[in-house]
Amino acid sequence: MNYHWNWHIFVEQVQSGDETYLNWMVSGLGWTLAVALSAWFIALILGSLIGTLRTAPRRWLSAPATAWVELFRNIPVLVQLFLWYFVVPELLPAKLSLWVKQDMPAKEFITAALALGLFTSARIAEQLRAGIQSLPRGQTHAALALGFTRIQAYRYVILPRAFRVVLPPLTSEAMNVFKNSAVAFAIGVLELTFQAKQMQEDAALEFEPMIVVTVLYILCAFSANRIMTLIEKNTRIPGMIAGAK
């Protein structure tokens, strides 16, 4: 039995409403970008902090940071999403729990961005830790010998070089954020995957919605790759890492 393709469906109106299916896809793309970029902001800030603390000489600083990484990177992101959405509100004080469950604005969006951001922060933290530890220890000793405090040594010497080292894996994480944002449909965020499934049911089509959504995810991930590659190219220190020119 041959499948009858219908690409004109995207300019047709939905079954109930004045919108077209193309409007659904554009809206889904907007929510995907919002979730992914918010999660990336959270992940980059927290991941940088946790990754730096993991290399701190004081165990009371490094131990909690290590626990953070092991906790968030070893639980699947979908499970974390459900925990934040269904379980955590039940553990809060009664009034706060009621507000979160009933009155919190954009609850689904905030939960998705937070869960994805925390998951990704653990991965960034581990990459930054590896980048810091790959640098010669003499650089830290030289900074301290010049009178820098340890915080100043990290700020002006260690972290600027470490971030340049880990930009390639950070590029992969930036791409993964867009791909992993698809789990947000599980709690009702109207992102691309949600809209594709909704369109499949509303228009009784199987392949067209998923093909378009796949292309949009590819474009998002590819754009993240190009932006991060441009940053890497403009911040590269010649001779610092193998293959640099």
C-alpha atoms as a PDB file:
ATOM      1  CA  MET A   1       0.000   0.000   0.000  1.00  0.00           C
ATOM      2  CA  ASN A   2       1.476   3.321  -1.096  1.00  0.00           C
ATOM      3  CA  TYR A   3       1.639   6.230   1.319  1.00  0.00           C
ATOM      4  CA  HIS A   4       0.035   9.425   0.011  1.00  0.00           C
ATOM      5  CA  TRP A   5       2.220  12.378   0.889  1.00  0.00           C
ATOM      6  CA  ASN A   6       0.452  15.655   1.678  1.00  0.00           C
ATOM      7  CA  TRP A   7       2.878  18.525   2.154  1.00  0.00           C
ATOM      8  CA  HIS A   8       0.118  21.096   1.615  1.00  0.00           C
ATOM      9  CA  ILE A   9      -1.259  20.137   5.030  1.00  0.00           C
ATOM     10  CA  PHE A  10       0.954  22.745   6.696  1.00  0.00           C
ATOM     11  CA  VAL A  11      -0.949  25.642   5.138  1.00  0.00           C
ATOM     12  CA  GLU A  12      -4.331  24.167   6.031  1.00  0.00           C
ATOM     13  CA  GLN A  13      -6.284  25.090   9.141  1.00  0.00           C
ATOM     14  CA  VAL A  14      -6.316  22.832  12.160  1.00  0.00           C
ATOM     15  CA  GLN A  15      -9.480  20.881  12.924  1.00  0.00           C
ATOM     16  CA  SER A  16     -10.621  23.260  15.654  1.00  0.00           C
ATOM     17  CA  GLY A  17      -9.405  26.837  15.348  1.00  0.00           C
ATOM     18  CA  ASP A  18      -8.181  29.440  12.898  1.00  0.00           C
ATOM     19  CA  GLU A  19      -4.501  28.469  13.070  1.00  0.00           C
ATOM     20  CA  THR A  20      -2.672  26.498  10.425  1.00  0.00           C
ATOM     21  CA  TYR A  21      -0.437  23.550  11.095  1.00  0.00           C
ATOM     22  CA  LEU A  22       2.483  25.741  10.109  1.00  0.00           C
ATOM     23  CA  ASN A  23       1.546  28.046  13.003  1.00  0.00           C
ATOM     24  CA  TRP A  24       1.817  25.045  15.315  1.00  0.00           C
ATOM     25  CA  MET A  25       5.301  24.269  14.034  1.00  0.00           C
ATOM     26  CA  VAL A  26       6.493  27.869  14.360  1.00  0.00           C
ATOM     27  CA  SER A  27       5.105  28.018  17.898  1.00  0.00           C
ATOM     28  CA  GLY A  28       6.789  24.711  18.710  1.00  0.00           C
ATOM     29  CA  LEU A  29      10.102  25.996  17.390  1.00  0.00           C
ATOM     30  CA  GLY A  30       9.785  29.068  19.591  1.00  0.00           C
ATOM     31  CA  TRP A  31       9.213  26.972  22.718  1.00  0.00           C
ATOM     32  CA  THR A  32      12.074  24.641  21.792  1.00  0.00           C
ATOM     33  CA  LEU A  33      14.440  27.591  21.466  1.00  0.00           C
ATOM     34  CA  ALA A  34      13.194  29.083  24.731  1.00  0.00           C
ATOM     35  CA  VAL A  35      13.673  25.848  26.685  1.00  0.00           C
ATOM     36  CA  ALA A  36      17.053  25.063  25.138  1.00  0.00           C
ATOM     37  CA  LEU A  37      18.556  28.541  25.520  1.00  0.00           C
ATOM     38  CA  SER A  38      17.288  28.926  29.092  1.00  0.00           C
ATOM     39  CA  ALA A  39      18.662  25.505  29.992  1.00  0.00           C
ATOM     40  CA  TRP A  40      22.009  26.358  28.361  1.00  0.00           C
ATOM     41  CA  PHE A  41      22.262  29.570  30.389  1.00  0.00           C
ATOM     42  CA  ILE A  42      21.572  27.676  33.627  1.00  0.00           C
ATOM     43  CA  ALA A  43      23.969  24.878  32.686  1.00  0.00           C
ATOM     44  CA  LEU A  44      26.824  27.170  31.707  1.00  0.00           C
ATOM     45  CA  ILE A  45      26.639  29.235  34.899  1.00  0.00           C
ATOM     46  CA  LEU A  46      26.229  26.303  37.290  1.00  0.00           C
ATOM     47  CA  GLY A  47      28.560  24.023  35.344  1.00  0.00           C
ATOM     48  CA  SER A  48      31.346  26.609  35.409  1.00  0.00           C
ATOM     49  CA  LEU A  49      30.943  27.093  39.157  1.00  0.00           C
ATOM     50  CA  ILE A  50      30.722  23.375  39.978  1.00  0.00           C
ATOM     51  CA  GLY A  51      33.574  22.463  37.637  1.00  0.00           C
ATOM     52  CA  THR A  52      35.813  25.075  39.235  1.00  0.00           C
ATOM     53  CA  LEU A  53      34.928  23.916  42.748  1.00  0.00           C
ATOM     54  CA  ARG A  54      35.788  20.333  41.796  1.00  0.00           C
ATOM     55  CA  THR A  55      39.425  21.408  41.407  1.00  0.00           C
ATOM     56  CA  ALA A  56      39.524  23.404  44.643  1.00  0.00           C
ATOM     57  CA  PRO A  57      42.237  22.300  47.107  1.00  0.00           C
ATOM     58  CA  ARG A  58      39.756  22.304  50.012  1.00  0.00           C
ATOM     59  CA  ARG A  59      37.787  19.063  50.289  1.00  0.00           C
ATOM     60  CA  TRP A  60      34.788  20.820  51.837  1.00  0.00           C
ATOM     61  CA  LEU A  61      34.468  22.675  48.521  1.00  0.00           C
ATOM     62  CA  SER A  62      35.309  19.876  46.090  1.00  0.00           C
ATOM     63  CA  ALA A  63      33.292  17.096  47.759  1.00  0.00           C
ATOM     64  CA  PRO A  64      29.828  18.731  47.361  1.00  0.00           C
ATOM     65  CA  ALA A  65      30.724  19.657  43.777  1.00  0.00           C
ATOM     66  CA  THR A  66      31.664  16.043  43.055  1.00  0.00           C
ATOM     67  CA  ALA A  67      28.398  14.856  44.608  1.00  0.00           C
ATOM     68  CA  TRP A  68      26.489  17.315  42.395  1.00  0.00           C
ATOM     69  CA  VAL A  69      28.108  15.911  39.254  1.00  0.00           C
ATOM     70  CA  GLU A  70      27.569  12.282  40.205  1.00  0.00           C
ATOM     71  CA  LEU A  71      23.937  12.926  41.112  1.00  0.00           C
ATOM     72  CA  PHE A  72      22.782  14.861  38.070  1.00  0.00           C
ATOM     73  CA  ARG A  73      24.750  13.111  35.345  1.00  0.00           C
ATOM     74  CA  ASN A  74      23.793   9.574  36.447  1.00  0.00           C
ATOM     75  CA  ILE A  75      20.014  10.081  36.420  1.00  0.00           C
ATOM     76  CA  PRO A  76      18.355  10.133  32.976  1.00  0.00           C
ATOM     77  CA  VAL A  77      17.118  13.591  32.061  1.00  0.00           C
ATOM     78  CA  LEU A  78      13.549  12.344  31.550  1.00  0.00           C
ATOM     79  CA  VAL A  79      13.497  10.887  35.073  1.00  0.00           C
ATOM     80  CA  GLN A  80      14.839  14.176  36.455  1.00  0.00           C
ATOM     81  CA  LEU A  81      12.114  16.023  34.575  1.00  0.00           C
ATOM     82  CA  PHE A  82       9.402  13.895  36.172  1.00  0.00           C
ATOM     83  CA  LEU A  83      10.985  14.238  39.621  1.00  0.00           C
ATOM     84  CA  TRP A  84      11.009  18.035  39.394  1.00  0.00           C
ATOM     85  CA  TYR A  85       7.490  18.189  37.991  1.00  0.00           C
ATOM     86  CA  PHE A  86       5.645  15.587  40.070  1.00  0.00           C
ATOM     87  CA  VAL A  87       7.732  14.749  43.161  1.00  0.00           C
ATOM     88  CA  VAL A  88       9.524  17.902  44.298  1.00  0.00           C
ATOM     89  CA  PRO A  89       6.308  19.988  44.672  1.00  0.00           C
ATOM     90  CA  GLU A  90       4.973  17.346  47.082  1.00  0.00           C
ATOM     91  CA  LEU A  91       8.055  17.758  49.302  1.00  0.00           C
ATOM     92  CA  LEU A  92       7.650  21.516  49.704  1.00  0.00           C
ATOM     93  CA  PRO A  93       5.794  23.258  52.571  1.00  0.00           C
ATOM     94  CA  ALA A  94       2.025  23.129  52.117  1.00  0.00           C
ATOM     95  CA  LYS A  95       1.449  26.724  50.932  1.00  0.00           C
ATOM     96  CA  LEU A  96       4.450  26.718  48.607  1.00  0.00           C
ATOM     97  CA  SER A  97       3.490  23.303  47.253  1.00  0.00           C
ATOM     98  CA  LEU A  98      -0.035  24.511  46.493  1.00  0.00           C
ATOM     99  CA  TRP A  99       1.292  27.601  44.725  1.00  0.00           C
ATOM    100  CA  VAL A 100       3.705  25.554  42.602  1.00  0.00           C
ATOM    101  CA  LYS A 101       1.036  23.047  41.617  1.00  0.00           C
ATOM    102  CA  GLN A 102      -1.796  25.499  40.922  1.00  0.00           C
ATOM    103  CA  ASP A 103      -0.631  29.105  40.528  1.00  0.00           C
ATOM    104  CA  MET A 104       2.984  29.039  39.366  1.00  0.00           C
ATOM    105  CA  PRO A 105       3.211  30.826  35.989  1.00  0.00           C
ATOM    106  CA  ALA A 106       4.769  28.879  33.098  1.00  0.00           C
ATOM    107  CA  LYS A 107       5.277  25.895  35.389  1.00  0.00           C
ATOM    108  CA  GLU A 108       5.958  23.417  32.589  1.00  0.00           C
ATOM    109  CA  PHE A 109       8.456  25.696  30.845  1.00  0.00           C
ATOM    110  CA  ILE A 110      10.343  26.569  34.030  1.00  0.00           C
ATOM    111  CA  THR A 111      10.476  22.928  35.123  1.00  0.00           C
ATOM    112  CA  ALA A 112      11.759  21.752  31.743  1.00  0.00           C
ATOM    113  CA  ALA A 113      14.433  24.455  31.540  1.00  0.00           C
ATOM    114  CA  LEU A 114      15.546  23.787  35.119  1.00  0.00           C
ATOM    115  CA  ALA A 115      15.697  19.998  34.751  1.00  0.00           C
ATOM    116  CA  LEU A 116      17.586  20.156  31.467  1.00  0.00           C
ATOM    117  CA  GLY A 117      19.879  22.900  32.787  1.00  0.00           C
ATOM    118  CA  LEU A 118      20.832  20.946  35.912  1.00  0.00           C
ATOM    119  CA  PHE A 119      21.420  17.769  33.911  1.00  0.00           C
ATOM    120  CA  THR A 120      23.659  19.590  31.445  1.00  0.00           C
ATOM    121  CA  SER A 121      25.465  21.530  34.201  1.00  0.00           C
ATOM    122  CA  ALA A 122      26.902  18.281  35.565  1.00  0.00           C
ATOM    123  CA  ARG A 123      28.317  17.402  32.154  1.00  0.00           C
ATOM    124  CA  ILE A 124      29.807  20.874  31.660  1.00  0.00           C
ATOM    125  CA  ALA A 125      31.281  20.769  35.169  1.00  0.00           C
ATOM    126  CA  GLU A 126      33.082  17.516  34.443  1.00  0.00           C
ATOM    127  CA  GLN A 127      34.434  18.837  31.149  1.00  0.00           C
ATOM    128  CA  LEU A 128      35.675  22.038  32.763  1.00  0.00           C
ATOM    129  CA  ARG A 129      37.313  20.053  35.580  1.00  0.00           C
ATOM    130  CA  ALA A 130      39.178  18.008  32.990  1.00  0.00           C
ATOM    131  CA  GLY A 131      40.176  21.189  31.156  1.00  0.00           C
ATOM    132  CA  ILE A 132      41.530  22.809  34.323  1.00  0.00           C
ATOM    133  CA  GLN A 133      43.465  19.703  35.314  1.00  0.00           C
ATOM    134  CA  SER A 134      44.970  19.431  31.829  1.00  0.00           C
ATOM    135  CA  LEU A 135      46.777  22.744  32.276  1.00  0.00           C
ATOM    136  CA  PRO A 136      50.364  22.727  33.585  1.00  0.00           C
ATOM    137  CA  ARG A 137      50.413  23.222  37.358  1.00  0.00           C
ATOM    138  CA  GLY A 138      53.231  25.703  36.903  1.00  0.00           C
ATOM    139  CA  GLN A 139      50.724  28.258  35.648  1.00  0.00           C
ATOM    140  CA  THR A 140      48.877  28.224  38.959  1.00  0.00           C
ATOM    141  CA  HIS A 141      52.099  28.349  40.937  1.00  0.00           C
ATOM    142  CA  ALA A 142      53.358  31.250  38.824  1.00  0.00           C
ATOM    143  CA  ALA A 143      50.139  33.203  39.376  1.00  0.00           C
ATOM    144  CA  LEU A 144      50.320  32.647  43.130  1.00  0.00           C
ATOM    145  CA  ALA A 145      54.007  33.609  43.137  1.00  0.00           C
ATOM    146  CA  LEU A 146      53.096  36.898  41.448  1.00  0.00           C
ATOM    147  CA  GLY A 147      50.827  37.728  44.366  1.00  0.00           C
ATOM    148  CA  PHE A 148      47.481  36.631  42.946  1.00  0.00           C
ATOM    149  CA  THR A 149      45.006  35.119  45.351  1.00  0.00           C
ATOM    150  CA  ARG A 150      43.717  31.683  44.332  1.00  0.00           C
ATOM    151  CA  ILE A 151      40.440  33.249  43.194  1.00  0.00           C
ATOM    152  CA  GLN A 152      42.345  35.759  41.063  1.00  0.00           C
ATOM    153  CA  ALA A 153      44.510  32.966  39.650  1.00  0.00           C
ATOM    154  CA  TYR A 154      41.383  31.115  38.553  1.00  0.00           C
ATOM    155  CA  ARG A 155      39.760  34.237  37.152  1.00  0.00           C
ATOM    156  CA  TYR A 156      42.681  35.675  35.199  1.00  0.00           C
ATOM    157  CA  VAL A 157      44.881  32.668  34.384  1.00  0.00           C
ATOM    158  CA  ILE A 158      43.295  29.239  34.776  1.00  0.00           C
ATOM    159  CA  LEU A 159      39.683  29.612  33.626  1.00  0.00           C
ATOM    160  CA  PRO A 160      40.366  31.686  30.462  1.00  0.00           C
ATOM    161  CA  ARG A 161      42.738  28.968  29.250  1.00  0.00           C
ATOM    162  CA  ALA A 162      40.623  26.050  30.465  1.00  0.00           C
ATOM    163  CA  PHE A 163      37.537  27.283  28.640  1.00  0.00           C
ATOM    164  CA  ARG A 164      39.529  27.451  25.410  1.00  0.00           C
ATOM    165  CA  VAL A 165      40.578  23.824  25.919  1.00  0.00           C
ATOM    166  CA  VAL A 166      37.018  22.576  26.490  1.00  0.00           C
ATOM    167  CA  LEU A 167      35.258  24.548  23.754  1.00  0.00           C
ATOM    168  CA  PRO A 168      35.011  21.480  21.453  1.00  0.00           C
ATOM    169  CA  PRO A 169      33.124  19.347  24.030  1.00  0.00           C
ATOM    170  CA  LEU A 170      31.079  22.412  25.002  1.00  0.00           C
ATOM    171  CA  THR A 171      30.031  22.600  21.363  1.00  0.00           C
ATOM    172  CA  SER A 172      28.644  19.073  21.634  1.00  0.00           C
ATOM    173  CA  GLU A 173      26.789  19.998  24.811  1.00  0.00           C
ATOM    174  CA  ALA A 174      25.266  23.065  23.158  1.00  0.00           C
ATOM    175  CA  MET A 175      23.966  20.823  20.386  1.00  0.00           C
ATOM    176  CA  ASN A 176      22.727  18.235  22.888  1.00  0.00           C
ATOM    177  CA  VAL A 177      20.676  20.849  24.741  1.00  0.00           C
ATOM    178  CA  PHE A 178      18.548  21.407  21.657  1.00  0.00           C
ATOM    179  CA  LYS A 179      18.131  17.685  21.067  1.00  0.00           C
ATOM    180  CA  ASN A 180      17.418  16.883  24.717  1.00  0.00           C
ATOM    181  CA  SER A 181      14.795  19.623  24.883  1.00  0.00           C
ATOM    182  CA  ALA A 182      12.452  17.169  23.149  1.00  0.00           C
ATOM    183  CA  VAL A 183      11.775  15.521  26.532  1.00  0.00           C
ATOM    184  CA  ALA A 184       9.853  18.652  27.560  1.00  0.00           C
ATOM    185  CA  PHE A 185       6.817  17.392  25.636  1.00  0.00           C
ATOM    186  CA  ALA A 186       6.345  14.779  28.382  1.00  0.00           C
ATOM    187  CA  ILE A 187       5.107  17.436  30.828  1.00  0.00           C
ATOM    188  CA  GLY A 188       3.091  19.433  28.305  1.00  0.00           C
ATOM    189  CA  VAL A 189       5.517  22.035  26.948  1.00  0.00           C
ATOM    190  CA  LEU A 190       4.258  22.910  23.462  1.00  0.00           C
ATOM    191  CA  GLU A 191       7.640  22.440  21.795  1.00  0.00           C
ATOM    192  CA  LEU A 192       8.402  20.767  18.466  1.00  0.00           C
ATOM    193  CA  THR A 193       7.896  17.139  19.481  1.00  0.00           C
ATOM    194  CA  PHE A 194       4.609  17.950  21.205  1.00  0.00           C
ATOM    195  CA  GLN A 195       3.359  19.835  18.157  1.00  0.00           C
ATOM    196  CA  ALA A 196       4.400  17.023  15.823  1.00  0.00           C
ATOM    197  CA  LYS A 197       2.481  14.449  17.847  1.00  0.00           C
ATOM    198  CA  GLN A 198      -0.497  16.775  18.075  1.00  0.00           C
ATOM    199  CA  MET A 199      -0.432  17.281  14.328  1.00  0.00           C
ATOM    200  CA  GLN A 200      -0.213  13.543  13.700  1.00  0.00           C
ATOM    201  CA  GLU A 201      -3.399  13.039  15.681  1.00  0.00           C
ATOM    202  CA  ASP A 202      -5.257  16.079  14.336  1.00  0.00           C
ATOM    203  CA  ALA A 203      -4.398  15.628  10.658  1.00  0.00           C
ATOM    204  CA  ALA A 204      -4.082  11.824  10.657  1.00  0.00           C
ATOM    205  CA  LEU A 205      -0.619  12.010   9.093  1.00  0.00           C
ATOM    206  CA  GLU A 206       2.370   9.959  10.176  1.00  0.00           C
ATOM    207  CA  PHE A 207       5.511  11.078   8.394  1.00  0.00           C
ATOM    208  CA  GLU A 208       5.225  14.723   7.319  1.00  0.00           C
ATOM    209  CA  PRO A 209       5.172  16.254  10.846  1.00  0.00           C
ATOM    210  CA  MET A 210       8.118  14.182  12.071  1.00  0.00           C
ATOM    211  CA  ILE A 211      10.174  14.912   8.958  1.00  0.00           C
ATOM    212  CA  VAL A 212       9.672  18.669   9.361  1.00  0.00           C
ATOM    213  CA  VAL A 213      10.452  18.487  13.076  1.00  0.00           C
ATOM    214  CA  THR A 214      13.581  16.446  12.368  1.00  0.00           C
ATOM    215  CA  VAL A 215      14.805  19.086   9.920  1.00  0.00           C
ATOM    216  CA  LEU A 216      14.133  21.856  12.451  1.00  0.00           C
ATOM    217  CA  TYR A 217      16.080  20.015  15.165  1.00  0.00           C
ATOM    218  CA  ILE A 218      18.962  19.553  12.749  1.00  0.00           C
ATOM    219  CA  LEU A 219      18.943  23.264  11.928  1.00  0.00           C
ATOM    220  CA  CYS A 220      18.922  24.200  15.622  1.00  0.00           C
ATOM    221  CA  ALA A 221      21.797  21.856  16.474  1.00  0.00           C
ATOM    222  CA  PHE A 222      23.767  22.879  13.386  1.00  0.00           C
ATOM    223  CA  SER A 223      23.329  26.569  14.233  1.00  0.00           C
ATOM    224  CA  ALA A 224      24.622  25.920  17.751  1.00  0.00           C
ATOM    225  CA  ASN A 225      27.583  24.077  16.253  1.00  0.00           C
ATOM    226  CA  ARG A 226      28.440  26.946  13.901  1.00  0.00           C
ATOM    227  CA  ILE A 227      28.181  29.581  16.635  1.00  0.00           C
ATOM    228  CA  MET A 228      30.380  27.597  19.034  1.00  0.00           C
ATOM    229  CA  THR A 229      32.878  26.847  16.250  1.00  0.00           C
ATOM    230  CA  LEU A 230      33.087  30.562  15.477  1.00  0.00           C
ATOM    231  CA  ILE A 231      33.718  31.321  19.157  1.00  0.00           C
ATOM    232  CA  GLU A 232      36.401  28.637  19.267  1.00  0.00           C
ATOM    233  CA  LYS A 233      38.095  30.036  16.170  1.00  0.00           C
ATOM    234  CA  ASN A 234      38.127  33.613  17.476  1.00  0.00           C
ATOM    235  CA  THR A 235      39.381  32.718  20.960  1.00  0.00           C
ATOM    236  CA  ARG A 236      41.981  30.097  20.010  1.00  0.00           C
ATOM    237  CA  ILE A 237      45.518  30.627  21.262  1.00  0.00           C
ATOM    238  CA  PRO A 238      47.953  29.377  18.576  1.00  0.00           C
ATOM    239  CA  GLY A 239      50.032  26.455  19.795  1.00  0.00           C
ATOM    240  CA  MET A 240      48.015  25.981  22.951  1.00  0.00           C
ATOM    241  CA  ILE A 241      46.356  22.721  21.896  1.00  0.00           C
ATOM    242  CA  ALA A 242      47.285  20.134  19.313  1.00  0.00           C
ATOM    243  CA  GLY A 243      46.284  21.070  15.818  1.00  0.00           C
ATOM    244  CA  ALA A 244      45.875  24.787  16.574  1.00  0.00           C
ATOM    245  CA  LYS A 245      47.217  27.167  13.962  1.00  0.00           C
END
